[in-house]
Amino acid sequence: MQQLPDVRTPKEAGADVDAVLWSGIYVAKGTPPAIVKKLEGEFMRFATLPDVKARLKPLGIDTVGNSSEEFAKILAADIARWGAVAKASNIKIEQ
């Protein structure tokens, strides 16, 4: 992170970690596709606004603005990756 130039990344510190934190916007199942596309377009536009980027950058947040399809691929990959880690580590969710 540019804001913390003297702080080592986990990899630089010797940890074999490769993880990215992300956030996304979800809609209720069954939301009409036209509404999903409209919201997607607005959020993607919003993520590219210079003033939005400027306000989030000091917080260490880089805006991306992926499409629904791109976001679904990221989510599926993370579920597969971290699901495998949880199974290999015998991590269980308590209910």
PDB file of N, CA and C in Angstrom:
ATOM      1  N   MET A   1       0.832  -1.188   0.000  1.00  0.00           N
ATOM      2  CA  MET A   1       0.000   0.000   0.000  1.00  0.00           C
ATOM      3  C   MET A   1       0.870   1.242   0.000  1.00  0.00           C
ATOM      4  N   GLN A   2       0.515   2.165  -0.846  1.00  0.00           N
ATOM      5  CA  GLN A   2       1.266   3.414  -0.910  1.00  0.00           C
ATOM      6  C   GLN A   2       1.211   4.174   0.407  1.00  0.00           C
ATOM      7  N   GLN A   3       0.115   4.016   1.134  1.00  0.00           N
ATOM      8  CA  GLN A   3      -0.056   4.754   2.384  1.00  0.00           C
ATOM      9  C   GLN A   3       0.807   4.202   3.518  1.00  0.00           C
ATOM     10  N   LEU A   4       1.308   2.982   3.367  1.00  0.00           N
ATOM     11  CA  LEU A   4       2.128   2.350   4.405  1.00  0.00           C
ATOM     12  C   LEU A   4       3.412   1.797   3.783  1.00  0.00           C
ATOM     13  N   PRO A   5       4.263   2.683   3.288  1.00  0.00           N
ATOM     14  CA  PRO A   5       5.445   2.215   2.553  1.00  0.00           C
ATOM     15  C   PRO A   5       6.449   1.421   3.389  1.00  0.00           C
ATOM     16  N   ASP A   6       6.442   1.602   4.696  1.00  0.00           N
ATOM     17  CA  ASP A   6       7.407   0.914   5.550  1.00  0.00           C
ATOM     18  C   ASP A   6       6.861  -0.374   6.164  1.00  0.00           C
ATOM     19  N   VAL A   7       5.627  -0.706   5.846  1.00  0.00           N
ATOM     20  CA  VAL A   7       5.020  -1.929   6.375  1.00  0.00           C
ATOM     21  C   VAL A   7       5.174  -3.042   5.343  1.00  0.00           C
ATOM     22  N   ARG A   8       5.778  -4.147   5.772  1.00  0.00           N
ATOM     23  CA  ARG A   8       5.992  -5.266   4.854  1.00  0.00           C
ATOM     24  C   ARG A   8       4.684  -6.001   4.573  1.00  0.00           C
ATOM     25  N   THR A   9       4.572  -6.531   3.389  1.00  0.00           N
ATOM     26  CA  THR A   9       3.439  -7.378   3.057  1.00  0.00           C
ATOM     27  C   THR A   9       3.620  -8.707   3.767  1.00  0.00           C
ATOM     28  N   PRO A  10       2.562  -9.502   3.919  1.00  0.00           N
ATOM     29  CA  PRO A  10       2.742 -10.818   4.534  1.00  0.00           C
ATOM     30  C   PRO A  10       3.806 -11.650   3.801  1.00  0.00           C
ATOM     31  N   LYS A  11       3.818 -11.581   2.475  1.00  0.00           N
ATOM     32  CA  LYS A  11       4.794 -12.345   1.698  1.00  0.00           C
ATOM     33  C   LYS A  11       6.220 -11.869   2.008  1.00  0.00           C
ATOM     34  N   GLU A  12       6.398 -10.540   2.096  1.00  0.00           N
ATOM     35  CA  GLU A  12       7.717  -9.996   2.432  1.00  0.00           C
ATOM     36  C   GLU A  12       8.141 -10.383   3.844  1.00  0.00           C
ATOM     37  N   ALA A  13       7.169 -10.615   4.712  1.00  0.00           N
ATOM     38  CA  ALA A  13       7.452 -11.004   6.095  1.00  0.00           C
ATOM     39  C   ALA A  13       7.684 -12.505   6.229  1.00  0.00           C
ATOM     40  N   GLY A  14       7.575 -13.237   5.119  1.00  0.00           N
ATOM     41  CA  GLY A  14       7.854 -14.662   5.155  1.00  0.00           C
ATOM     42  C   GLY A  14       6.638 -15.559   5.200  1.00  0.00           C
ATOM     43  N   ALA A  15       5.444 -14.983   5.186  1.00  0.00           N
ATOM     44  CA  ALA A  15       4.220 -15.786   5.203  1.00  0.00           C
ATOM     45  C   ALA A  15       3.821 -16.123   3.769  1.00  0.00           C
ATOM     46  N   ASP A  16       3.432 -17.357   3.555  1.00  0.00           N
ATOM     47  CA  ASP A  16       3.006 -17.784   2.227  1.00  0.00           C
ATOM     48  C   ASP A  16       1.505 -17.511   2.099  1.00  0.00           C
ATOM     49  N   VAL A  17       1.173 -16.241   1.985  1.00  0.00           N
ATOM     50  CA  VAL A  17      -0.227 -15.821   1.931  1.00  0.00           C
ATOM     51  C   VAL A  17      -0.450 -15.001   0.676  1.00  0.00           C
ATOM     52  N   ASP A  18      -1.492 -15.319  -0.018  1.00  0.00           N
ATOM     53  CA  ASP A  18      -1.876 -14.549  -1.199  1.00  0.00           C
ATOM     54  C   ASP A  18      -3.383 -14.362  -1.137  1.00  0.00           C
ATOM     55  N   ALA A  19      -3.805 -13.289  -0.518  1.00  0.00           N
ATOM     56  CA  ALA A  19      -5.233 -13.050  -0.338  1.00  0.00           C
ATOM     57  C   ALA A  19      -5.553 -11.600  -0.664  1.00  0.00           C
ATOM     58  N   VAL A  20      -6.720 -11.402  -1.207  1.00  0.00           N
ATOM     59  CA  VAL A  20      -7.199 -10.063  -1.542  1.00  0.00           C
ATOM     60  C   VAL A  20      -8.554  -9.869  -0.878  1.00  0.00           C
ATOM     61  N   LEU A  21      -8.705  -8.764  -0.213  1.00  0.00           N
ATOM     62  CA  LEU A  21     -10.010  -8.425   0.355  1.00  0.00           C
ATOM     63  C   LEU A  21     -10.803  -7.664  -0.685  1.00  0.00           C
ATOM     64  N   TRP A  22     -12.065  -7.976  -0.797  1.00  0.00           N
ATOM     65  CA  TRP A  22     -12.909  -7.288  -1.765  1.00  0.00           C
ATOM     66  C   TRP A  22     -14.288  -7.122  -1.162  1.00  0.00           C
ATOM     67  N   SER A  23     -15.053  -6.280  -1.743  1.00  0.00           N
ATOM     68  CA  SER A  23     -16.455  -6.140  -1.349  1.00  0.00           C
ATOM     69  C   SER A  23     -17.267  -6.060  -2.630  1.00  0.00           C
ATOM     70  N   GLY A  24     -18.525  -6.334  -2.506  1.00  0.00           N
ATOM     71  CA  GLY A  24     -19.385  -6.320  -3.676  1.00  0.00           C
ATOM     72  C   GLY A  24     -20.795  -5.934  -3.298  1.00  0.00           C
ATOM     73  N   ILE A  25     -21.580  -5.685  -4.295  1.00  0.00           N
ATOM     74  CA  ILE A  25     -22.984  -5.329  -4.113  1.00  0.00           C
ATOM     75  C   ILE A  25     -23.824  -6.513  -4.568  1.00  0.00           C
ATOM     76  N   TYR A  26     -24.775  -6.892  -3.766  1.00  0.00           N
ATOM     77  CA  TYR A  26     -25.662  -8.000  -4.088  1.00  0.00           C
ATOM     78  C   TYR A  26     -27.105  -7.503  -4.217  1.00  0.00           C
ATOM     79  N   VAL A  27     -27.886  -8.216  -4.989  1.00  0.00           N
ATOM     80  CA  VAL A  27     -29.318  -7.947  -5.077  1.00  0.00           C
ATOM     81  C   VAL A  27     -30.049  -9.235  -4.733  1.00  0.00           C
ATOM     82  N   ALA A  28     -31.318  -9.098  -4.412  1.00  0.00           N
ATOM     83  CA  ALA A  28     -32.118 -10.262  -4.054  1.00  0.00           C
ATOM     84  C   ALA A  28     -32.279 -11.203  -5.242  1.00  0.00           C
ATOM     85  N   LYS A  29     -32.296 -12.496  -4.949  1.00  0.00           N
ATOM     86  CA  LYS A  29     -32.535 -13.491  -5.985  1.00  0.00           C
ATOM     87  C   LYS A  29     -33.878 -13.177  -6.648  1.00  0.00           C
ATOM     88  N   GLY A  30     -33.897 -13.282  -7.966  1.00  0.00           N
ATOM     89  CA  GLY A  30     -35.126 -13.015  -8.688  1.00  0.00           C
ATOM     90  C   GLY A  30     -35.277 -11.569  -9.131  1.00  0.00           C
ATOM     91  N   THR A  31     -34.284 -10.721  -8.810  1.00  0.00           N
ATOM     92  CA  THR A  31     -34.337  -9.340  -9.285  1.00  0.00           C
ATOM     93  C   THR A  31     -34.308  -9.366 -10.812  1.00  0.00           C
ATOM     94  N   PRO A  32     -35.204  -8.634 -11.458  1.00  0.00           N
ATOM     95  CA  PRO A  32     -35.246  -8.651 -12.921  1.00  0.00           C
ATOM     96  C   PRO A  32     -33.891  -8.269 -13.526  1.00  0.00           C
ATOM     97  N   PRO A  33     -33.470  -8.994 -14.580  1.00  0.00           N
ATOM     98  CA  PRO A  33     -32.172  -8.725 -15.205  1.00  0.00           C
ATOM     99  C   PRO A  33     -31.971  -7.270 -15.622  1.00  0.00           C
ATOM    100  N   ALA A  34     -33.015  -6.607 -16.075  1.00  0.00           N
ATOM    101  CA  ALA A  34     -32.881  -5.206 -16.495  1.00  0.00           C
ATOM    102  C   ALA A  34     -32.483  -4.322 -15.308  1.00  0.00           C
ATOM    103  N   ILE A  35     -33.030  -4.613 -14.146  1.00  0.00           N
ATOM    104  CA  ILE A  35     -32.686  -3.837 -12.946  1.00  0.00           C
ATOM    105  C   ILE A  35     -31.259  -4.151 -12.521  1.00  0.00           C
ATOM    106  N   VAL A  36     -30.881  -5.428 -12.584  1.00  0.00           N
ATOM    107  CA  VAL A  36     -29.509  -5.815 -12.245  1.00  0.00           C
ATOM    108  C   VAL A  36     -28.522  -5.075 -13.149  1.00  0.00           C
ATOM    109  N   LYS A  37     -28.774  -5.066 -14.453  1.00  0.00           N
ATOM    110  CA  LYS A  37     -27.873  -4.393 -15.402  1.00  0.00           C
ATOM    111  C   LYS A  37     -27.812  -2.891 -15.146  1.00  0.00           C
ATOM    112  N   LYS A  38     -28.947  -2.276 -14.815  1.00  0.00           N
ATOM    113  CA  LYS A  38     -28.979  -0.835 -14.525  1.00  0.00           C
ATOM    114  C   LYS A  38     -28.134  -0.534 -13.282  1.00  0.00           C
ATOM    115  N   LEU A  39     -28.331  -1.305 -12.217  1.00  0.00           N
ATOM    116  CA  LEU A  39     -27.548  -1.109 -10.999  1.00  0.00           C
ATOM    117  C   LEU A  39     -26.063  -1.361 -11.258  1.00  0.00           C
ATOM    118  N   GLU A  40     -25.774  -2.423 -11.992  1.00  0.00           N
ATOM    119  CA  GLU A  40     -24.383  -2.742 -12.329  1.00  0.00           C
ATOM    120  C   GLU A  40     -23.718  -1.575 -13.044  1.00  0.00           C
ATOM    121  N   GLY A  41     -24.402  -1.027 -14.028  1.00  0.00           N
ATOM    122  CA  GLY A  41     -23.845   0.097 -14.780  1.00  0.00           C
ATOM    123  C   GLY A  41     -23.590   1.308 -13.902  1.00  0.00           C
ATOM    124  N   GLU A  42     -24.513   1.587 -13.007  1.00  0.00           N
ATOM    125  CA  GLU A  42     -24.355   2.747 -12.122  1.00  0.00           C
ATOM    126  C   GLU A  42     -23.210   2.544 -11.135  1.00  0.00           C
ATOM    127  N   PHE A  43     -23.100   1.350 -10.581  1.00  0.00           N
ATOM    128  CA  PHE A  43     -21.994   1.097  -9.650  1.00  0.00           C
ATOM    129  C   PHE A  43     -20.658   1.115 -10.369  1.00  0.00           C
ATOM    130  N   MET A  44     -20.611   0.590 -11.580  1.00  0.00           N
ATOM    131  CA  MET A  44     -19.364   0.621 -12.350  1.00  0.00           C
ATOM    132  C   MET A  44     -18.987   2.064 -12.687  1.00  0.00           C
ATOM    133  N   ARG A  45     -19.972   2.882 -13.036  1.00  0.00           N
ATOM    134  CA  ARG A  45     -19.718   4.293 -13.322  1.00  0.00           C
ATOM    135  C   ARG A  45     -19.220   4.998 -12.058  1.00  0.00           C
ATOM    136  N   PHE A  46     -19.891   4.746 -10.962  1.00  0.00           N
ATOM    137  CA  PHE A  46     -19.547   5.340  -9.678  1.00  0.00           C
ATOM    138  C   PHE A  46     -18.106   5.004  -9.289  1.00  0.00           C
ATOM    139  N   ALA A  47     -17.694   3.741  -9.507  1.00  0.00           N
ATOM    140  CA  ALA A  47     -16.355   3.285  -9.121  1.00  0.00           C
ATOM    141  C   ALA A  47     -15.253   3.974  -9.915  1.00  0.00           C
ATOM    142  N   THR A  48     -15.598   4.576 -11.052  1.00  0.00           N
ATOM    143  CA  THR A  48     -14.572   5.228 -11.876  1.00  0.00           C
ATOM    144  C   THR A  48     -14.525   6.745 -11.693  1.00  0.00           C
ATOM    145  N   LEU A  49     -15.418   7.283 -10.888  1.00  0.00           N
ATOM    146  CA  LEU A  49     -15.423   8.737 -10.683  1.00  0.00           C
ATOM    147  C   LEU A  49     -14.158   9.176  -9.948  1.00  0.00           C
ATOM    148  N   PRO A  50     -13.462  10.181 -10.468  1.00  0.00           N
ATOM    149  CA  PRO A  50     -12.213  10.624  -9.833  1.00  0.00           C
ATOM    150  C   PRO A  50     -12.367  11.015  -8.365  1.00  0.00           C
ATOM    151  N   ASP A  51     -13.468  11.686  -8.002  1.00  0.00           N
ATOM    152  CA  ASP A  51     -13.614  12.094  -6.602  1.00  0.00           C
ATOM    153  C   ASP A  51     -13.866  10.894  -5.687  1.00  0.00           C
ATOM    154  N   VAL A  52     -14.531   9.880  -6.189  1.00  0.00           N
ATOM    155  CA  VAL A  52     -14.745   8.661  -5.396  1.00  0.00           C
ATOM    156  C   VAL A  52     -13.409   7.953  -5.186  1.00  0.00           C
ATOM    157  N   LYS A  53     -12.652   7.803  -6.260  1.00  0.00           N
ATOM    158  CA  LYS A  53     -11.334   7.165  -6.155  1.00  0.00           C
ATOM    159  C   LYS A  53     -10.435   7.935  -5.184  1.00  0.00           C
ATOM    160  N   ALA A  54     -10.472   9.272  -5.275  1.00  0.00           N
ATOM    161  CA  ALA A  54      -9.623  10.110  -4.424  1.00  0.00           C
ATOM    162  C   ALA A  54      -9.995   9.973  -2.949  1.00  0.00           C
ATOM    163  N   ARG A  55     -11.275   9.806  -2.646  1.00  0.00           N
ATOM    164  CA  ARG A  55     -11.704   9.680  -1.251  1.00  0.00           C
ATOM    165  C   ARG A  55     -11.378   8.300  -0.675  1.00  0.00           C
ATOM    166  N   LEU A  56     -11.418   7.282  -1.530  1.00  0.00           N
ATOM    167  CA  LEU A  56     -11.184   5.932  -1.042  1.00  0.00           C
ATOM    168  C   LEU A  56      -9.701   5.554  -0.999  1.00  0.00           C
ATOM    169  N   LYS A  57      -8.895   6.149  -1.850  1.00  0.00           N
ATOM    170  CA  LYS A  57      -7.468   5.818  -1.928  1.00  0.00           C
ATOM    171  C   LYS A  57      -6.750   5.958  -0.584  1.00  0.00           C
ATOM    172  N   PRO A  58      -6.964   7.045   0.183  1.00  0.00           N
ATOM    173  CA  PRO A  58      -6.285   7.158   1.483  1.00  0.00           C
ATOM    174  C   PRO A  58      -6.683   6.056   2.470  1.00  0.00           C
ATOM    175  N   LEU A  59      -7.788   5.392   2.212  1.00  0.00           N
ATOM    176  CA  LEU A  59      -8.237   4.294   3.070  1.00  0.00           C
ATOM    177  C   LEU A  59      -7.661   2.952   2.602  1.00  0.00           C
ATOM    178  N   GLY A  60      -6.850   3.003   1.543  1.00  0.00           N
ATOM    179  CA  GLY A  60      -6.268   1.785   1.003  1.00  0.00           C
ATOM    180  C   GLY A  60      -7.215   1.014   0.112  1.00  0.00           C
ATOM    181  N   ILE A  61      -8.233   1.697  -0.403  1.00  0.00           N
ATOM    182  CA  ILE A  61      -9.241   1.036  -1.238  1.00  0.00           C
ATOM    183  C   ILE A  61      -9.057   1.470  -2.680  1.00  0.00           C
ATOM    184  N   ASP A  62      -8.855   0.478  -3.542  1.00  0.00           N
ATOM    185  CA  ASP A  62      -8.795   0.722  -4.980  1.00  0.00           C
ATOM    186  C   ASP A  62     -10.101   0.241  -5.581  1.00  0.00           C
ATOM    187  N   THR A  63     -10.822   1.133  -6.229  1.00  0.00           N
ATOM    188  CA  THR A  63     -12.088   0.736  -6.837  1.00  0.00           C
ATOM    189  C   THR A  63     -11.825   0.020  -8.152  1.00  0.00           C
ATOM    190  N   VAL A  64     -12.645  -0.977  -8.451  1.00  0.00           N
ATOM    191  CA  VAL A  64     -12.474  -1.768  -9.664  1.00  0.00           C
ATOM    192  C   VAL A  64     -13.691  -1.622 -10.571  1.00  0.00           C
ATOM    193  N   GLY A  65     -14.848  -1.968 -10.086  1.00  0.00           N
ATOM    194  CA  GLY A  65     -16.056  -1.871 -10.894  1.00  0.00           C
ATOM    195  C   GLY A  65     -16.194  -3.008 -11.890  1.00  0.00           C
ATOM    196  N   ASN A  66     -16.283  -4.239 -11.393  1.00  0.00           N
ATOM    197  CA  ASN A  66     -16.458  -5.401 -12.254  1.00  0.00           C
ATOM    198  C   ASN A  66     -17.911  -5.572 -12.675  1.00  0.00           C
ATOM    199  N   SER A  67     -18.096  -6.294 -13.759  1.00  0.00           N
ATOM    200  CA  SER A  67     -19.455  -6.663 -14.170  1.00  0.00           C
ATOM    201  C   SER A  67     -19.962  -7.774 -13.248  1.00  0.00           C
ATOM    202  N   SER A  68     -21.253  -8.050 -13.321  1.00  0.00           N
ATOM    203  CA  SER A  68     -21.836  -9.135 -12.527  1.00  0.00           C
ATOM    204  C   SER A  68     -21.158 -10.465 -12.846  1.00  0.00           C
ATOM    205  N   GLU A  69     -20.893 -10.684 -14.116  1.00  0.00           N
ATOM    206  CA  GLU A  69     -20.261 -11.937 -14.533  1.00  0.00           C
ATOM    207  C   GLU A  69     -18.840 -12.051 -13.986  1.00  0.00           C
ATOM    208  N   GLU A  70     -18.088 -10.963 -14.044  1.00  0.00           N
ATOM    209  CA  GLU A  70     -16.716 -10.972 -13.519  1.00  0.00           C
ATOM    210  C   GLU A  70     -16.724 -11.207 -12.007  1.00  0.00           C
ATOM    211  N   PHE A  71     -17.652 -10.541 -11.325  1.00  0.00           N
ATOM    212  CA  PHE A  71     -17.752 -10.688  -9.874  1.00  0.00           C
ATOM    213  C   PHE A  71     -18.132 -12.121  -9.509  1.00  0.00           C
ATOM    214  N   ALA A  72     -19.037 -12.736 -10.263  1.00  0.00           N
ATOM    215  CA  ALA A  72     -19.443 -14.122 -10.003  1.00  0.00           C
ATOM    216  C   ALA A  72     -18.245 -15.068 -10.140  1.00  0.00           C
ATOM    217  N   LYS A  73     -17.378 -14.810 -11.108  1.00  0.00           N
ATOM    218  CA  LYS A  73     -16.182 -15.645 -11.284  1.00  0.00           C
ATOM    219  C   LYS A  73     -15.222 -15.493 -10.108  1.00  0.00           C
ATOM    220  N   ILE A  74     -15.044 -14.263  -9.641  1.00  0.00           N
ATOM    221  CA  ILE A  74     -14.171 -14.010  -8.482  1.00  0.00           C
ATOM    222  C   ILE A  74     -14.722 -14.724  -7.257  1.00  0.00           C
ATOM    223  N   LEU A  75     -16.027 -14.592  -7.039  1.00  0.00           N
ATOM    224  CA  LEU A  75     -16.677 -15.220  -5.890  1.00  0.00           C
ATOM    225  C   LEU A  75     -16.547 -16.736  -5.958  1.00  0.00           C
ATOM    226  N   ALA A  76     -16.798 -17.332  -7.123  1.00  0.00           N
ATOM    227  CA  ALA A  76     -16.700 -18.792  -7.271  1.00  0.00           C
ATOM    228  C   ALA A  76     -15.269 -19.270  -7.025  1.00  0.00           C
ATOM    229  N   ALA A  77     -14.292 -18.526  -7.533  1.00  0.00           N
ATOM    230  CA  ALA A  77     -12.890 -18.907  -7.328  1.00  0.00           C
ATOM    231  C   ALA A  77     -12.509 -18.839  -5.853  1.00  0.00           C
ATOM    232  N   ASP A  78     -12.980 -17.791  -5.158  1.00  0.00           N
ATOM    233  CA  ASP A  78     -12.664 -17.674  -3.735  1.00  0.00           C
ATOM    234  C   ASP A  78     -13.341 -18.772  -2.919  1.00  0.00           C
ATOM    235  N   ILE A  79     -14.570 -19.106  -3.260  1.00  0.00           N
ATOM    236  CA  ILE A  79     -15.272 -20.184  -2.542  1.00  0.00           C
ATOM    237  C   ILE A  79     -14.527 -21.497  -2.723  1.00  0.00           C
ATOM    238  N   ALA A  80     -14.100 -21.782  -3.959  1.00  0.00           N
ATOM    239  CA  ALA A  80     -13.354 -23.013  -4.211  1.00  0.00           C
ATOM    240  C   ALA A  80     -12.021 -23.006  -3.460  1.00  0.00           C
ATOM    241  N   ARG A  81     -11.309 -21.890  -3.542  1.00  0.00           N
ATOM    242  CA  ARG A  81      -9.987 -21.805  -2.910  1.00  0.00           C
ATOM    243  C   ARG A  81     -10.069 -21.915  -1.401  1.00  0.00           C
ATOM    244  N   TRP A  82     -10.885 -21.063  -0.786  1.00  0.00           N
ATOM    245  CA  TRP A  82     -10.928 -21.030   0.664  1.00  0.00           C
ATOM    246  C   TRP A  82     -11.732 -22.194   1.236  1.00  0.00           C
ATOM    247  N   GLY A  83     -12.640 -22.751   0.449  1.00  0.00           N
ATOM    248  CA  GLY A  83     -13.334 -23.970   0.870  1.00  0.00           C
ATOM    249  C   GLY A  83     -12.348 -25.121   1.002  1.00  0.00           C
ATOM    250  N   ALA A  84     -11.422 -25.221   0.048  1.00  0.00           N
ATOM    251  CA  ALA A  84     -10.388 -26.255   0.102  1.00  0.00           C
ATOM    252  C   ALA A  84      -9.480 -26.051   1.316  1.00  0.00           C
ATOM    253  N   VAL A  85      -9.142 -24.809   1.599  1.00  0.00           N
ATOM    254  CA  VAL A  85      -8.306 -24.506   2.776  1.00  0.00           C
ATOM    255  C   VAL A  85      -9.040 -24.909   4.050  1.00  0.00           C
ATOM    256  N   ALA A  86     -10.330 -24.578   4.135  1.00  0.00           N
ATOM    257  CA  ALA A  86     -11.114 -24.925   5.321  1.00  0.00           C
ATOM    258  C   ALA A  86     -11.205 -26.437   5.494  1.00  0.00           C
ATOM    259  N   LYS A  87     -11.440 -27.165   4.401  1.00  0.00           N
ATOM    260  CA  LYS A  87     -11.527 -28.629   4.488  1.00  0.00           C
ATOM    261  C   LYS A  87     -10.188 -29.230   4.891  1.00  0.00           C
ATOM    262  N   ALA A  88      -9.104 -28.763   4.277  1.00  0.00           N
ATOM    263  CA  ALA A  88      -7.775 -29.290   4.605  1.00  0.00           C
ATOM    264  C   ALA A  88      -7.391 -29.002   6.049  1.00  0.00           C
ATOM    265  N   SER A  89      -7.919 -27.917   6.589  1.00  0.00           N
ATOM    266  CA  SER A  89      -7.605 -27.520   7.971  1.00  0.00           C
ATOM    267  C   SER A  89      -8.643 -28.028   8.956  1.00  0.00           C
ATOM    268  N   ASN A  90      -9.652 -28.729   8.441  1.00  0.00           N
ATOM    269  CA  ASN A  90     -10.757 -29.242   9.251  1.00  0.00           C
ATOM    270  C   ASN A  90     -11.487 -28.133  10.010  1.00  0.00           C
ATOM    271  N   ILE A  91     -11.667 -27.010   9.334  1.00  0.00           N
ATOM    272  CA  ILE A  91     -12.389 -25.879   9.926  1.00  0.00           C
ATOM    273  C   ILE A  91     -13.877 -26.100   9.712  1.00  0.00           C
ATOM    274  N   LYS A  92     -14.643 -25.998  10.758  1.00  0.00           N
ATOM    275  CA  LYS A  92     -16.088 -26.212  10.683  1.00  0.00           C
ATOM    276  C   LYS A  92     -16.802 -24.982  11.207  1.00  0.00           C
ATOM    277  N   ILE A  93     -17.971 -24.723  10.647  1.00  0.00           N
ATOM    278  CA  ILE A  93     -18.801 -23.611  11.113  1.00  0.00           C
ATOM    279  C   ILE A  93     -19.700 -24.124  12.231  1.00  0.00           C
ATOM    280  N   GLU A  94     -19.665 -23.454  13.363  1.00  0.00           N
ATOM    281  CA  GLU A  94     -20.520 -23.835  14.484  1.00  0.00           C
ATOM    282  C   GLU A  94     -21.875 -23.189  14.320  1.00  0.00           C
ATOM    283  N   GLN A  95     -22.919 -23.941  14.627  1.00  0.00           N
ATOM    284  CA  GLN A  95     -24.278 -23.403  14.523  1.00  0.00           C
ATOM    285  C   GLN A  95     -24.957 -23.403  15.845  1.00  0.00           C
TER     286      GLN A  95
END
